[in-house]
PDB file of N, CA and C in Angstrom:
ATOM      1  N   UNK A   1     109.342  90.950  97.576  1.00  0.00           N
ATOM      2  CA  UNK A   1     108.000  91.491  97.818  1.00  0.00           C
ATOM      3  C   UNK A   1     108.139  93.017  98.078  1.00  0.00           C
ATOM      4  N   UNK A   2     107.394  93.817  97.338  1.00  0.00           N
ATOM      5  CA  UNK A   2     107.409  95.261  97.515  1.00  0.00           C
ATOM      6  C   UNK A   2     106.776  95.694  98.832  1.00  0.00           C
ATOM      7  N   UNK A   3     107.209  96.857  99.324  1.00  0.00           N
ATOM      8  CA  UNK A   3     106.561  97.370 100.573  1.00  0.00           C
ATOM      9  C   UNK A   3     105.176  97.703 100.324  1.00  0.00           C
ATOM     10  N   UNK A   4     104.275  97.546 101.343  1.00  0.00           N
ATOM     11  CA  UNK A   4     102.854  97.877 101.195  1.00  0.00           C
ATOM     12  C   UNK A   4     102.723  99.361 100.872  1.00  0.00           C
ATOM     13  N   UNK A   5     101.616  99.695 100.161  1.00  0.00           N
ATOM     14  CA  UNK A   5     101.395 101.076  99.768  1.00  0.00           C
ATOM     15  C   UNK A   5     101.083 102.010 100.926  1.00  0.00           C
ATOM     16  N   UNK A   6     100.346 101.521 101.947  1.00  0.00           N
ATOM     17  CA  UNK A   6     100.058 102.378 103.064  1.00  0.00           C
ATOM     18  C   UNK A   6     101.087 102.127 104.154  1.00  0.00           C
ATOM     19  N   UNK A   7     101.162 103.044 105.104  1.00  0.00           N
ATOM     20  CA  UNK A   7     102.167 102.947 106.134  1.00  0.00           C
ATOM     21  C   UNK A   7     102.020 101.743 107.019  1.00  0.00           C
ATOM     22  N   UNK A   8     100.791 101.285 107.246  1.00  0.00           N
ATOM     23  CA  UNK A   8     100.590 100.135 108.134  1.00  0.00           C
ATOM     24  C   UNK A   8      99.494  99.240 107.577  1.00  0.00           C
ATOM     25  N   UNK A   9      99.722  97.976 107.461  1.00  0.00           N
ATOM     26  CA  UNK A   9      98.698  97.037 107.015  1.00  0.00           C
ATOM     27  C   UNK A   9      98.785  95.802 107.935  1.00  0.00           C
ATOM     28  N   UNK A  10      97.668  95.159 108.126  1.00  0.00           N
ATOM     29  CA  UNK A  10      97.595  93.905 108.879  1.00  0.00           C
ATOM     30  C   UNK A  10      97.518  92.792 107.907  1.00  0.00           C
ATOM     31  N   UNK A  11      98.434  91.843 107.952  1.00  0.00           N
ATOM     32  CA  UNK A  11      98.404  90.773 106.982  1.00  0.00           C
ATOM     33  C   UNK A  11      97.365  89.739 107.432  1.00  0.00           C
ATOM     34  N   UNK A  12      97.146  88.793 106.566  1.00  0.00           N
ATOM     35  CA  UNK A  12      96.212  87.707 106.837  1.00  0.00           C
ATOM     36  C   UNK A  12      96.634  86.892 108.035  1.00  0.00           C
ATOM     37  N   UNK A  13      97.902  86.900 108.351  1.00  0.00           N
ATOM     38  CA  UNK A  13      98.409  86.136 109.478  1.00  0.00           C
ATOM     39  C   UNK A  13      98.596  86.974 110.692  1.00  0.00           C
ATOM     40  N   UNK A  14      98.039  88.217 110.680  1.00  0.00           N
ATOM     41  CA  UNK A  14      98.063  89.059 111.905  1.00  0.00           C
ATOM     42  C   UNK A  14      99.374  89.830 112.049  1.00  0.00           C
ATOM     43  N   UNK A  15     100.244  89.806 111.087  1.00  0.00           N
ATOM     44  CA  UNK A  15     101.496  90.592 111.222  1.00  0.00           C
ATOM     45  C   UNK A  15     101.264  92.063 110.901  1.00  0.00           C
ATOM     46  N   UNK A  16     101.833  92.913 111.680  1.00  0.00           N
ATOM     47  CA  UNK A  16     101.685  94.343 111.411  1.00  0.00           C
ATOM     48  C   UNK A  16     102.815  94.766 110.512  1.00  0.00           C
ATOM     49  N   UNK A  17     102.448  95.303 109.316  1.00  0.00           N
ATOM     50  CA  UNK A  17     103.452  95.839 108.417  1.00  0.00           C
ATOM     51  C   UNK A  17     103.693  97.276 108.797  1.00  0.00           C
ATOM     52  N   UNK A  18     104.897  97.669 108.990  1.00  0.00           N
ATOM     53  CA  UNK A  18     105.205  99.043 109.281  1.00  0.00           C
ATOM     54  C   UNK A  18     106.369  99.387 108.333  1.00  0.00           C
ATOM     55  N   UNK A  19     106.100 100.155 107.297  1.00  0.00           N
ATOM     56  CA  UNK A  19     107.065 100.417 106.237  1.00  0.00           C
ATOM     57  C   UNK A  19     108.398 100.753 106.762  1.00  0.00           C
ATOM     58  N   UNK A  20     109.429  99.973 106.397  1.00  0.00           N
ATOM     59  CA  UNK A  20     110.793 100.253 106.835  1.00  0.00           C
ATOM     60  C   UNK A  20     111.096  99.798 108.227  1.00  0.00           C
ATOM     61  N   UNK A  21     110.165  99.294 108.980  1.00  0.00           N
ATOM     62  CA  UNK A  21     110.367  98.928 110.365  1.00  0.00           C
ATOM     63  C   UNK A  21     110.756  97.439 110.546  1.00  0.00           C
ATOM     64  N   UNK A  22     111.198  97.065 111.668  1.00  0.00           N
ATOM     65  CA  UNK A  22     111.579  95.707 111.993  1.00  0.00           C
ATOM     66  C   UNK A  22     110.369  94.808 111.874  1.00  0.00           C
ATOM     67  N   UNK A  23     109.217  95.290 112.307  1.00  0.00           N
ATOM     68  CA  UNK A  23     107.975  94.453 112.228  1.00  0.00           C
ATOM     69  C   UNK A  23     107.695  94.126 110.748  1.00  0.00           C
ATOM     70  N   UNK A  24     107.906  95.024 109.872  1.00  0.00           N
ATOM     71  CA  UNK A  24     107.737  94.788 108.439  1.00  0.00           C
ATOM     72  C   UNK A  24     108.623  93.691 107.997  1.00  0.00           C
ATOM     73  N   UNK A  25     109.940  93.756 108.371  1.00  0.00           N
ATOM     74  CA  UNK A  25     110.886  92.726 107.940  1.00  0.00           C
ATOM     75  C   UNK A  25     110.543  91.383 108.493  1.00  0.00           C
ATOM     76  N   UNK A  26     110.097  91.287 109.740  1.00  0.00           N
ATOM     77  CA  UNK A  26     109.706  90.044 110.326  1.00  0.00           C
ATOM     78  C   UNK A  26     108.504  89.487 109.672  1.00  0.00           C
ATOM     79  N   UNK A  27     107.583  90.304 109.257  1.00  0.00           N
ATOM     80  CA  UNK A  27     106.387  89.800 108.511  1.00  0.00           C
ATOM     81  C   UNK A  27     106.768  89.329 107.147  1.00  0.00           C
ATOM     82  N   UNK A  28     107.675  90.031 106.470  1.00  0.00           N
ATOM     83  CA  UNK A  28     108.101  89.551 105.162  1.00  0.00           C
ATOM     84  C   UNK A  28     108.722  88.146 105.256  1.00  0.00           C
ATOM     85  N   UNK A  29     109.509  87.915 106.266  1.00  0.00           N
ATOM     86  CA  UNK A  29     110.114  86.607 106.483  1.00  0.00           C
ATOM     87  C   UNK A  29     109.040  85.585 106.740  1.00  0.00           C
ATOM     88  N   UNK A  30     108.071  85.907 107.591  1.00  0.00           N
ATOM     89  CA  UNK A  30     107.007  84.939 107.899  1.00  0.00           C
ATOM     90  C   UNK A  30     106.173  84.659 106.674  1.00  0.00           C
ATOM     91  N   UNK A  31     105.875  85.664 105.839  1.00  0.00           N
ATOM     92  CA  UNK A  31     105.078  85.463 104.640  1.00  0.00           C
ATOM     93  C   UNK A  31     105.878  84.709 103.587  1.00  0.00           C
ATOM     94  N   UNK A  32     107.211  84.866 103.580  1.00  0.00           N
ATOM     95  CA  UNK A  32     108.021  84.129 102.632  1.00  0.00           C
ATOM     96  C   UNK A  32     107.969  82.648 102.915  1.00  0.00           C
ATOM     97  N   UNK A  33     107.943  82.291 104.243  1.00  0.00           N
ATOM     98  CA  UNK A  33     107.905  80.942 104.627  1.00  0.00           C
ATOM     99  C   UNK A  33     106.461  80.346 104.441  1.00  0.00           C
ATOM    100  N   UNK A  34     105.414  81.184 104.563  1.00  0.00           N
ATOM    101  CA  UNK A  34     104.050  80.715 104.428  1.00  0.00           C
ATOM    102  C   UNK A  34     103.292  81.704 103.584  1.00  0.00           C
ATOM    103  N   UNK A  35     103.573  81.782 102.275  1.00  0.00           N
ATOM    104  CA  UNK A  35     102.902  82.818 101.481  1.00  0.00           C
ATOM    105  C   UNK A  35     101.428  82.479 101.300  1.00  0.00           C
ATOM    106  N   UNK A  36     100.635  83.573 101.188  1.00  0.00           N
ATOM    107  CA  UNK A  36      99.219  83.367 100.869  1.00  0.00           C
ATOM    108  C   UNK A  36      99.187  82.943  99.404  1.00  0.00           C
ATOM    109  N   UNK A  37      98.571  81.794  99.133  1.00  0.00           N
ATOM    110  CA  UNK A  37      98.646  81.236  97.823  1.00  0.00           C
ATOM    111  C   UNK A  37      97.414  81.476  96.934  1.00  0.00           C
ATOM    112  N   UNK A  38      96.258  81.727  97.599  1.00  0.00           N
ATOM    113  CA  UNK A  38      95.038  81.881  96.841  1.00  0.00           C
ATOM    114  C   UNK A  38      94.274  83.159  97.198  1.00  0.00           C
ATOM    115  N   UNK A  39      93.509  83.629  96.328  1.00  0.00           N
ATOM    116  CA  UNK A  39      92.639  84.787  96.523  1.00  0.00           C
ATOM    117  C   UNK A  39      91.512  84.421  97.506  1.00  0.00           C
ATOM    118  N   UNK A  40      91.250  85.357  98.398  1.00  0.00           N
ATOM    119  CA  UNK A  40      90.215  85.139  99.383  1.00  0.00           C
ATOM    120  C   UNK A  40      88.812  85.024  98.733  1.00  0.00           C
ATOM    121  N   UNK A  41      88.601  85.729  97.634  1.00  0.00           N
ATOM    122  CA  UNK A  41      87.237  85.697  96.990  1.00  0.00           C
ATOM    123  C   UNK A  41      87.085  84.583  95.988  1.00  0.00           C
ATOM    124  N   UNK A  42      87.998  84.522  95.012  1.00  0.00           N
ATOM    125  CA  UNK A  42      87.756  83.577  93.950  1.00  0.00           C
ATOM    126  C   UNK A  42      88.527  82.239  94.090  1.00  0.00           C
ATOM    127  N   UNK A  43      89.513  82.172  94.954  1.00  0.00           N
ATOM    128  CA  UNK A  43      90.216  80.936  95.214  1.00  0.00           C
ATOM    129  C   UNK A  43      91.307  80.652  94.180  1.00  0.00           C
ATOM    130  N   UNK A  44      91.478  81.527  93.162  1.00  0.00           N
ATOM    131  CA  UNK A  44      92.523  81.287  92.141  1.00  0.00           C
ATOM    132  C   UNK A  44      93.895  81.618  92.753  1.00  0.00           C
ATOM    133  N   UNK A  45      94.973  81.051  92.204  1.00  0.00           N
ATOM    134  CA  UNK A  45      96.275  81.443  92.695  1.00  0.00           C
ATOM    135  C   UNK A  45      96.513  82.955  92.541  1.00  0.00           C
ATOM    136  N   UNK A  46      97.250  83.522  93.467  1.00  0.00           N
ATOM    137  CA  UNK A  46      97.591  84.912  93.420  1.00  0.00           C
ATOM    138  C   UNK A  46      98.679  85.173  92.378  1.00  0.00           C
ATOM    139  N   UNK A  47      98.688  86.314  91.793  1.00  0.00           N
ATOM    140  CA  UNK A  47      99.706  86.714  90.813  1.00  0.00           C
ATOM    141  C   UNK A  47     100.721  87.662  91.451  1.00  0.00           C
ATOM    142  N   UNK A  48     101.322  88.483  90.571  1.00  0.00           N
ATOM    143  CA  UNK A  48     102.324  89.388  91.014  1.00  0.00           C
ATOM    144  C   UNK A  48     101.762  90.522  91.836  1.00  0.00           C
ATOM    145  N   UNK A  49     100.512  90.931  91.495  1.00  0.00           N
ATOM    146  CA  UNK A  49      99.895  92.072  92.222  1.00  0.00           C
ATOM    147  C   UNK A  49      98.873  91.481  93.156  1.00  0.00           C
ATOM    148  N   UNK A  50      99.038  91.887  94.415  1.00  0.00           N
ATOM    149  CA  UNK A  50      98.078  91.392  95.489  1.00  0.00           C
ATOM    150  C   UNK A  50      97.637  92.617  96.270  1.00  0.00           C
ATOM    151  N   UNK A  51      96.366  92.678  96.505  1.00  0.00           N
ATOM    152  CA  UNK A  51      95.831  93.717  97.353  1.00  0.00           C
ATOM    153  C   UNK A  51      95.323  93.083  98.619  1.00  0.00           C
ATOM    154  N   UNK A  52      95.088  93.824  99.656  1.00  0.00           N
ATOM    155  CA  UNK A  52      94.566  93.344 100.988  1.00  0.00           C
ATOM    156  C   UNK A  52      93.228  93.938 101.222  1.00  0.00           C
ATOM    157  N   UNK A  53      92.272  93.057 101.446  1.00  0.00           N
ATOM    158  CA  UNK A  53      90.874  93.476 101.674  1.00  0.00           C
ATOM    159  C   UNK A  53      90.506  93.283 103.132  1.00  0.00           C
ATOM    160  N   UNK A  54      89.761  94.224 103.685  1.00  0.00           N
ATOM    161  CA  UNK A  54      89.215  94.082 105.041  1.00  0.00           C
ATOM    162  C   UNK A  54      87.830  93.448 104.961  1.00  0.00           C
ATOM    163  N   UNK A  55      87.628  92.187 105.316  1.00  0.00           N
ATOM    164  CA  UNK A  55      86.262  91.577 105.313  1.00  0.00           C
ATOM    165  C   UNK A  55      85.282  92.403 106.062  1.00  0.00           C
ATOM    166  N   UNK A  56      85.657  92.888 107.195  1.00  0.00           N
ATOM    167  CA  UNK A  56      84.878  93.886 107.934  1.00  0.00           C
ATOM    168  C   UNK A  56      85.552  95.229 107.634  1.00  0.00           C
ATOM    169  N   UNK A  57      84.898  96.165 106.975  1.00  0.00           N
ATOM    170  CA  UNK A  57      85.497  97.402 106.593  1.00  0.00           C
ATOM    171  C   UNK A  57      86.161  98.112 107.751  1.00  0.00           C
ATOM    172  N   UNK A  58      87.285  98.818 107.479  1.00  0.00           N
ATOM    173  CA  UNK A  58      87.982  99.591 108.490  1.00  0.00           C
ATOM    174  C   UNK A  58      87.010 100.588 109.144  1.00  0.00           C
ATOM    175  N   UNK A  59      86.095 101.168 108.325  1.00  0.00           N
ATOM    176  CA  UNK A  59      85.178 102.182 108.809  1.00  0.00           C
ATOM    177  C   UNK A  59      84.195 101.577 109.786  1.00  0.00           C
ATOM    178  N   UNK A  60      84.084 100.257 109.797  1.00  0.00           N
ATOM    179  CA  UNK A  60      83.210  99.557 110.768  1.00  0.00           C
ATOM    180  C   UNK A  60      83.982  98.801 111.828  1.00  0.00           C
ATOM    181  N   UNK A  61      85.277  99.184 112.004  1.00  0.00           N
ATOM    182  CA  UNK A  61      86.117  98.565 113.039  1.00  0.00           C
ATOM    183  C   UNK A  61      86.903  97.340 112.665  1.00  0.00           C
ATOM    184  N   UNK A  62      86.882  97.010 111.332  1.00  0.00           N
ATOM    185  CA  UNK A  62      87.656  95.806 110.909  1.00  0.00           C
ATOM    186  C   UNK A  62      89.177  96.054 110.935  1.00  0.00           C
ATOM    187  N   UNK A  63      89.885  95.051 111.335  1.00  0.00           N
ATOM    188  CA  UNK A  63      91.361  95.147 111.384  1.00  0.00           C
ATOM    189  C   UNK A  63      92.018  94.013 110.602  1.00  0.00           C
ATOM    190  N   UNK A  64      91.331  92.890 110.486  1.00  0.00           N
ATOM    191  CA  UNK A  64      91.896  91.744 109.765  1.00  0.00           C
ATOM    192  C   UNK A  64      91.880  92.015 108.267  1.00  0.00           C
ATOM    193  N   UNK A  65      92.910  91.593 107.539  1.00  0.00           N
ATOM    194  CA  UNK A  65      92.950  91.713 106.088  1.00  0.00           C
ATOM    195  C   UNK A  65      93.240  90.284 105.502  1.00  0.00           C
ATOM    196  N   UNK A  66      92.790  90.217 104.228  1.00  0.00           N
ATOM    197  CA  UNK A  66      92.959  88.958 103.496  1.00  0.00           C
ATOM    198  C   UNK A  66      93.521  89.298 102.084  1.00  0.00           C
ATOM    199  N   UNK A  67      94.299  88.399 101.524  1.00  0.00           N
ATOM    200  CA  UNK A  67      94.889  88.688 100.176  1.00  0.00           C
ATOM    201  C   UNK A  67      93.795  88.468  99.089  1.00  0.00           C
ATOM    202  N   UNK A  68      93.862  89.349  98.093  1.00  0.00           N
ATOM    203  CA  UNK A  68      92.838  89.291  97.053  1.00  0.00           C
ATOM    204  C   UNK A  68      93.404  89.886  95.813  1.00  0.00           C
ATOM    205  N   UNK A  69      92.941  89.366  94.618  1.00  0.00           N
ATOM    206  CA  UNK A  69      93.361  89.957  93.324  1.00  0.00           C
ATOM    207  C   UNK A  69      92.780  91.380  93.199  1.00  0.00           C
ATOM    208  N   UNK A  70      93.492  92.254  92.543  1.00  0.00           N
ATOM    209  CA  UNK A  70      92.972  93.613  92.318  1.00  0.00           C
ATOM    210  C   UNK A  70      91.572  93.619  91.630  1.00  0.00           C
ATOM    211  N   UNK A  71      91.359  92.743  90.625  1.00  0.00           N
ATOM    212  CA  UNK A  71      90.063  92.736  89.937  1.00  0.00           C
ATOM    213  C   UNK A  71      88.990  92.244  90.869  1.00  0.00           C
ATOM    214  N   UNK A  72      89.267  91.304  91.676  1.00  0.00           N
ATOM    215  CA  UNK A  72      88.287  90.789  92.681  1.00  0.00           C
ATOM    216  C   UNK A  72      87.960  91.871  93.741  1.00  0.00           C
ATOM    217  N   UNK A  73      88.941  92.564  94.153  1.00  0.00           N
ATOM    218  CA  UNK A  73      88.794  93.648  95.140  1.00  0.00           C
ATOM    219  C   UNK A  73      87.924  94.761  94.569  1.00  0.00           C
ATOM    220  N   UNK A  74      88.212  95.177  93.340  1.00  0.00           N
ATOM    221  CA  UNK A  74      87.394  96.235  92.730  1.00  0.00           C
ATOM    222  C   UNK A  74      85.941  95.785  92.455  1.00  0.00           C
ATOM    223  N   UNK A  75      85.769  94.530  92.126  1.00  0.00           N
ATOM    224  CA  UNK A  75      84.425  94.013  91.950  1.00  0.00           C
ATOM    225  C   UNK A  75      83.603  94.044  93.213  1.00  0.00           C
ATOM    226  N   UNK A  76      84.248  93.602  94.353  1.00  0.00           N
ATOM    227  CA  UNK A  76      83.570  93.625  95.614  1.00  0.00           C
ATOM    228  C   UNK A  76      83.081  94.991  95.944  1.00  0.00           C
ATOM    229  N   UNK A  77      83.898  96.024  95.786  1.00  0.00           N
ATOM    230  CA  UNK A  77      83.546  97.386  96.144  1.00  0.00           C
ATOM    231  C   UNK A  77      82.664  98.033  95.157  1.00  0.00           C
ATOM    232  N   UNK A  78      82.563  97.456  93.935  1.00  0.00           N
ATOM    233  CA  UNK A  78      81.644  98.025  92.915  1.00  0.00           C
ATOM    234  C   UNK A  78      80.204  97.444  93.186  1.00  0.00           C
ATOM    235  N   UNK A  79      80.128  96.264  93.798  1.00  0.00           N
ATOM    236  CA  UNK A  79      78.859  95.656  94.070  1.00  0.00           C
ATOM    237  C   UNK A  79      78.326  95.983  95.444  1.00  0.00           C
ATOM    238  N   UNK A  80      79.167  96.038  96.444  1.00  0.00           N
ATOM    239  CA  UNK A  80      78.706  96.203  97.834  1.00  0.00           C
ATOM    240  C   UNK A  80      79.264  97.535  98.411  1.00  0.00           C
ATOM    241  N   UNK A  81      78.429  98.138  99.283  1.00  0.00           N
ATOM    242  CA  UNK A  81      78.857  99.309 100.107  1.00  0.00           C
ATOM    243  C   UNK A  81      79.572  98.739 101.287  1.00  0.00           C
ATOM    244  N   UNK A  82      80.267  99.586 101.981  1.00  0.00           N
ATOM    245  CA  UNK A  82      80.923  99.147 103.291  1.00  0.00           C
ATOM    246  C   UNK A  82      79.891  98.658 104.261  1.00  0.00           C
ATOM    247  N   UNK A  83      78.700  99.327 104.260  1.00  0.00           N
ATOM    248  CA  UNK A  83      77.664  98.900 105.205  1.00  0.00           C
ATOM    249  C   UNK A  83      77.177  97.497 104.856  1.00  0.00           C
ATOM    250  N   UNK A  84      77.052  97.162 103.534  1.00  0.00           N
ATOM    251  CA  UNK A  84      76.657  95.867 103.067  1.00  0.00           C
ATOM    252  C   UNK A  84      77.675  94.803 103.492  1.00  0.00           C
ATOM    253  N   UNK A  85      78.977  95.126 103.273  1.00  0.00           N
ATOM    254  CA  UNK A  85      80.070  94.216 103.573  1.00  0.00           C
ATOM    255  C   UNK A  85      80.068  93.923 105.082  1.00  0.00           C
ATOM    256  N   UNK A  86      79.896  94.944 105.913  1.00  0.00           N
ATOM    257  CA  UNK A  86      79.947  94.749 107.404  1.00  0.00           C
ATOM    258  C   UNK A  86      78.777  93.905 107.782  1.00  0.00           C
ATOM    259  N   UNK A  87      77.559  94.186 107.237  1.00  0.00           N
ATOM    260  CA  UNK A  87      76.391  93.385 107.596  1.00  0.00           C
ATOM    261  C   UNK A  87      76.518  91.928 107.215  1.00  0.00           C
ATOM    262  N   UNK A  88      77.000  91.696 106.004  1.00  0.00           N
ATOM    263  CA  UNK A  88      77.189  90.304 105.503  1.00  0.00           C
ATOM    264  C   UNK A  88      78.213  89.533 106.324  1.00  0.00           C
ATOM    265  N   UNK A  89      79.290  90.229 106.711  1.00  0.00           N
ATOM    266  CA  UNK A  89      80.361  89.612 107.578  1.00  0.00           C
ATOM    267  C   UNK A  89      79.766  89.276 108.912  1.00  0.00           C
ATOM    268  N   UNK A  90      79.014  90.159 109.509  1.00  0.00           N
ATOM    269  CA  UNK A  90      78.343  89.908 110.804  1.00  0.00           C
ATOM    270  C   UNK A  90      77.394  88.729 110.810  1.00  0.00           C
ATOM    271  N   UNK A  91      76.631  88.670 109.719  1.00  0.00           N
ATOM    272  CA  UNK A  91      75.606  87.644 109.595  1.00  0.00           C
ATOM    273  C   UNK A  91      76.227  86.325 109.124  1.00  0.00           C
ATOM    274  N   UNK A  92      77.410  86.380 108.621  1.00  0.00           N
ATOM    275  CA  UNK A  92      78.082  85.137 108.087  1.00  0.00           C
ATOM    276  C   UNK A  92      77.582  84.779 106.702  1.00  0.00           C
ATOM    277  N   UNK A  93      76.939  85.726 106.003  1.00  0.00           N
ATOM    278  CA  UNK A  93      76.424  85.516 104.638  1.00  0.00           C
ATOM    279  C   UNK A  93      77.603  85.442 103.678  1.00  0.00           C
ATOM    280  N   UNK A  94      77.659  84.346 102.886  1.00  0.00           N
ATOM    281  CA  UNK A  94      78.796  84.323 101.933  1.00  0.00           C
ATOM    282  C   UNK A  94      78.581  85.315 100.777  1.00  0.00           C
ATOM    283  N   UNK A  95      79.625  86.037 100.398  1.00  0.00           N
ATOM    284  CA  UNK A  95      79.527  86.995  99.308  1.00  0.00           C
ATOM    285  C   UNK A  95      79.167  86.324  97.985  1.00  0.00           C
ATOM    286  N   UNK A  96      79.559  85.107  97.867  1.00  0.00           N
ATOM    287  CA  UNK A  96      79.283  84.367  96.603  1.00  0.00           C
ATOM    288  C   UNK A  96      77.816  84.040  96.459  1.00  0.00           C
ATOM    289  N   UNK A  97      76.993  84.300  97.439  1.00  0.00           N
ATOM    290  CA  UNK A  97      75.541  84.077  97.332  1.00  0.00           C
ATOM    291  C   UNK A  97      74.861  85.183  96.519  1.00  0.00           C
ATOM    292  N   UNK A  98      75.582  86.365  96.366  1.00  0.00           N
ATOM    293  CA  UNK A  98      74.978  87.458  95.638  1.00  0.00           C
ATOM    294  C   UNK A  98      75.035  87.124  94.115  1.00  0.00           C
ATOM    295  N   UNK A  99      73.961  87.287  93.375  1.00  0.00           N
ATOM    296  CA  UNK A  99      73.988  86.941  91.914  1.00  0.00           C
ATOM    297  C   UNK A  99      75.097  87.590  91.094  1.00  0.00           C
ATOM    298  N   UNK A 100      75.466  88.858  91.360  1.00  0.00           N
ATOM    299  CA  UNK A 100      76.503  89.522  90.610  1.00  0.00           C
ATOM    300  C   UNK A 100      77.848  88.918  90.915  1.00  0.00           C
ATOM    301  N   UNK A 101      78.103  88.567  92.189  1.00  0.00           N
ATOM    302  CA  UNK A 101      79.342  87.976  92.557  1.00  0.00           C
ATOM    303  C   UNK A 101      79.468  86.499  91.985  1.00  0.00           C
ATOM    304  N   UNK A 102      78.345  85.844  92.061  1.00  0.00           N
ATOM    305  CA  UNK A 102      78.290  84.461  91.523  1.00  0.00           C
ATOM    306  C   UNK A 102      78.628  84.497  90.030  1.00  0.00           C
ATOM    307  N   UNK A 103      78.042  85.409  89.283  1.00  0.00           N
ATOM    308  CA  UNK A 103      78.351  85.522  87.837  1.00  0.00           C
ATOM    309  C   UNK A 103      79.793  85.908  87.631  1.00  0.00           C
ATOM    310  N   UNK A 104      80.317  86.865  88.449  1.00  0.00           N
ATOM    311  CA  UNK A 104      81.724  87.268  88.323  1.00  0.00           C
ATOM    312  C   UNK A 104      82.679  86.044  88.531  1.00  0.00           C
ATOM    313  N   UNK A 105      82.386  85.281  89.590  1.00  0.00           N
ATOM    314  CA  UNK A 105      83.222  84.152  89.914  1.00  0.00           C
ATOM    315  C   UNK A 105      83.250  83.096  88.837  1.00  0.00           C
ATOM    316  N   UNK A 106      82.089  82.865  88.185  1.00  0.00           N
ATOM    317  CA  UNK A 106      82.018  81.951  87.076  1.00  0.00           C
ATOM    318  C   UNK A 106      82.848  82.477  85.884  1.00  0.00           C
ATOM    319  N   UNK A 107      82.786  83.736  85.632  1.00  0.00           N
ATOM    320  CA  UNK A 107      83.519  84.378  84.546  1.00  0.00           C
ATOM    321  C   UNK A 107      85.001  84.371  84.787  1.00  0.00           C
ATOM    322  N   UNK A 108      85.486  84.687  85.968  1.00  0.00           N
ATOM    323  CA  UNK A 108      86.873  84.830  86.305  1.00  0.00           C
ATOM    324  C   UNK A 108      87.613  83.502  86.530  1.00  0.00           C
ATOM    325  N   UNK A 109      86.866  82.464  86.717  1.00  0.00           N
ATOM    326  CA  UNK A 109      87.417  81.133  87.110  1.00  0.00           C
ATOM    327  C   UNK A 109      88.602  80.652  86.263  1.00  0.00           C
ATOM    328  N   UNK A 110      88.514  80.847  84.976  1.00  0.00           N
ATOM    329  CA  UNK A 110      89.574  80.283  84.105  1.00  0.00           C
ATOM    330  C   UNK A 110      90.564  81.322  83.617  1.00  0.00           C
ATOM    331  N   UNK A 111      90.550  82.531  84.195  1.00  0.00           N
ATOM    332  CA  UNK A 111      91.455  83.556  83.816  1.00  0.00           C
ATOM    333  C   UNK A 111      92.819  83.398  84.510  1.00  0.00           C
ATOM    334  N   UNK A 112      93.909  83.914  83.956  1.00  0.00           N
ATOM    335  CA  UNK A 112      95.200  83.799  84.593  1.00  0.00           C
ATOM    336  C   UNK A 112      95.280  84.736  85.895  1.00  0.00           C
ATOM    337  N   UNK A 113      96.188  84.391  86.784  1.00  0.00           N
ATOM    338  CA  UNK A 113      96.243  85.121  88.046  1.00  0.00           C
ATOM    339  C   UNK A 113      96.385  86.640  87.881  1.00  0.00           C
ATOM    340  N   UNK A 114      97.120  87.152  86.930  1.00  0.00           N
ATOM    341  CA  UNK A 114      97.333  88.596  86.791  1.00  0.00           C
ATOM    342  C   UNK A 114      96.357  89.190  85.808  1.00  0.00           C
ATOM    343  N   UNK A 115      95.292  88.506  85.443  1.00  0.00           N
ATOM    344  CA  UNK A 115      94.258  89.075  84.542  1.00  0.00           C
ATOM    345  C   UNK A 115      93.622  90.274  85.189  1.00  0.00           C
ATOM    346  N   UNK A 116      93.400  91.317  84.327  1.00  0.00           N
ATOM    347  CA  UNK A 116      92.663  92.507  84.793  1.00  0.00           C
ATOM    348  C   UNK A 116      91.886  93.076  83.654  1.00  0.00           C
ATOM    349  N   UNK A 117      90.720  93.585  83.991  1.00  0.00           N
ATOM    350  CA  UNK A 117      89.788  94.193  83.020  1.00  0.00           C
ATOM    351  C   UNK A 117      89.118  95.374  83.746  1.00  0.00           C
ATOM    352  N   UNK A 118      88.586  96.300  82.985  1.00  0.00           N
ATOM    353  CA  UNK A 118      87.887  97.453  83.647  1.00  0.00           C
ATOM    354  C   UNK A 118      86.669  96.909  84.530  1.00  0.00           C
ATOM    355  N   UNK A 119      86.515  97.568  85.644  1.00  0.00           N
ATOM    356  CA  UNK A 119      85.394  97.196  86.512  1.00  0.00           C
ATOM    357  C   UNK A 119      84.441  98.352  86.538  1.00  0.00           C
ATOM    358  N   UNK A 120      83.158  98.066  86.357  1.00  0.00           N
ATOM    359  CA  UNK A 120      82.131  99.092  86.338  1.00  0.00           C
ATOM    360  C   UNK A 120      81.885  99.578  87.791  1.00  0.00           C
ATOM    361  N   UNK A 121      81.795 100.858  87.952  1.00  0.00           N
ATOM    362  CA  UNK A 121      81.497 101.423  89.272  1.00  0.00           C
ATOM    363  C   UNK A 121      80.016 101.198  89.663  1.00  0.00           C
ATOM    364  N   UNK A 122      79.805 101.162  90.972  1.00  0.00           N
ATOM    365  CA  UNK A 122      78.446 101.033  91.455  1.00  0.00           C
ATOM    366  C   UNK A 122      77.622 102.297  91.058  1.00  0.00           C
ATOM    367  N   UNK A 123      76.356 102.084  90.732  1.00  0.00           N
ATOM    368  CA  UNK A 123      75.499 103.249  90.373  1.00  0.00           C
ATOM    369  C   UNK A 123      74.625 103.620  91.533  1.00  0.00           C
TER     370      UNK A 123
END
């Protein structure tokens, strides 16, 4: 498993990744024993590329992260602003209730784990 791109990330299991540090190695071992198997948004198996999404945005105080496909991550941020994501997380509103996400989930359901396509930016 490659080192995370940023200096510190919080994994879905609460492990603090610190590039090159002992905490990073301990987390790698923990994740090896209990790897995240599915994407937080679409539920499909994860591929070789995995990104980490903050359900509550970092700008709104979020610390927890969840594993997600790159295409799913980009779609979330193309559809929702950080304020929208924070509000929906606080209210407990499922993201899949939004028509654009519902359509995306139906489209992506049968694609392979490492599938990627261009994502339109929010207007």
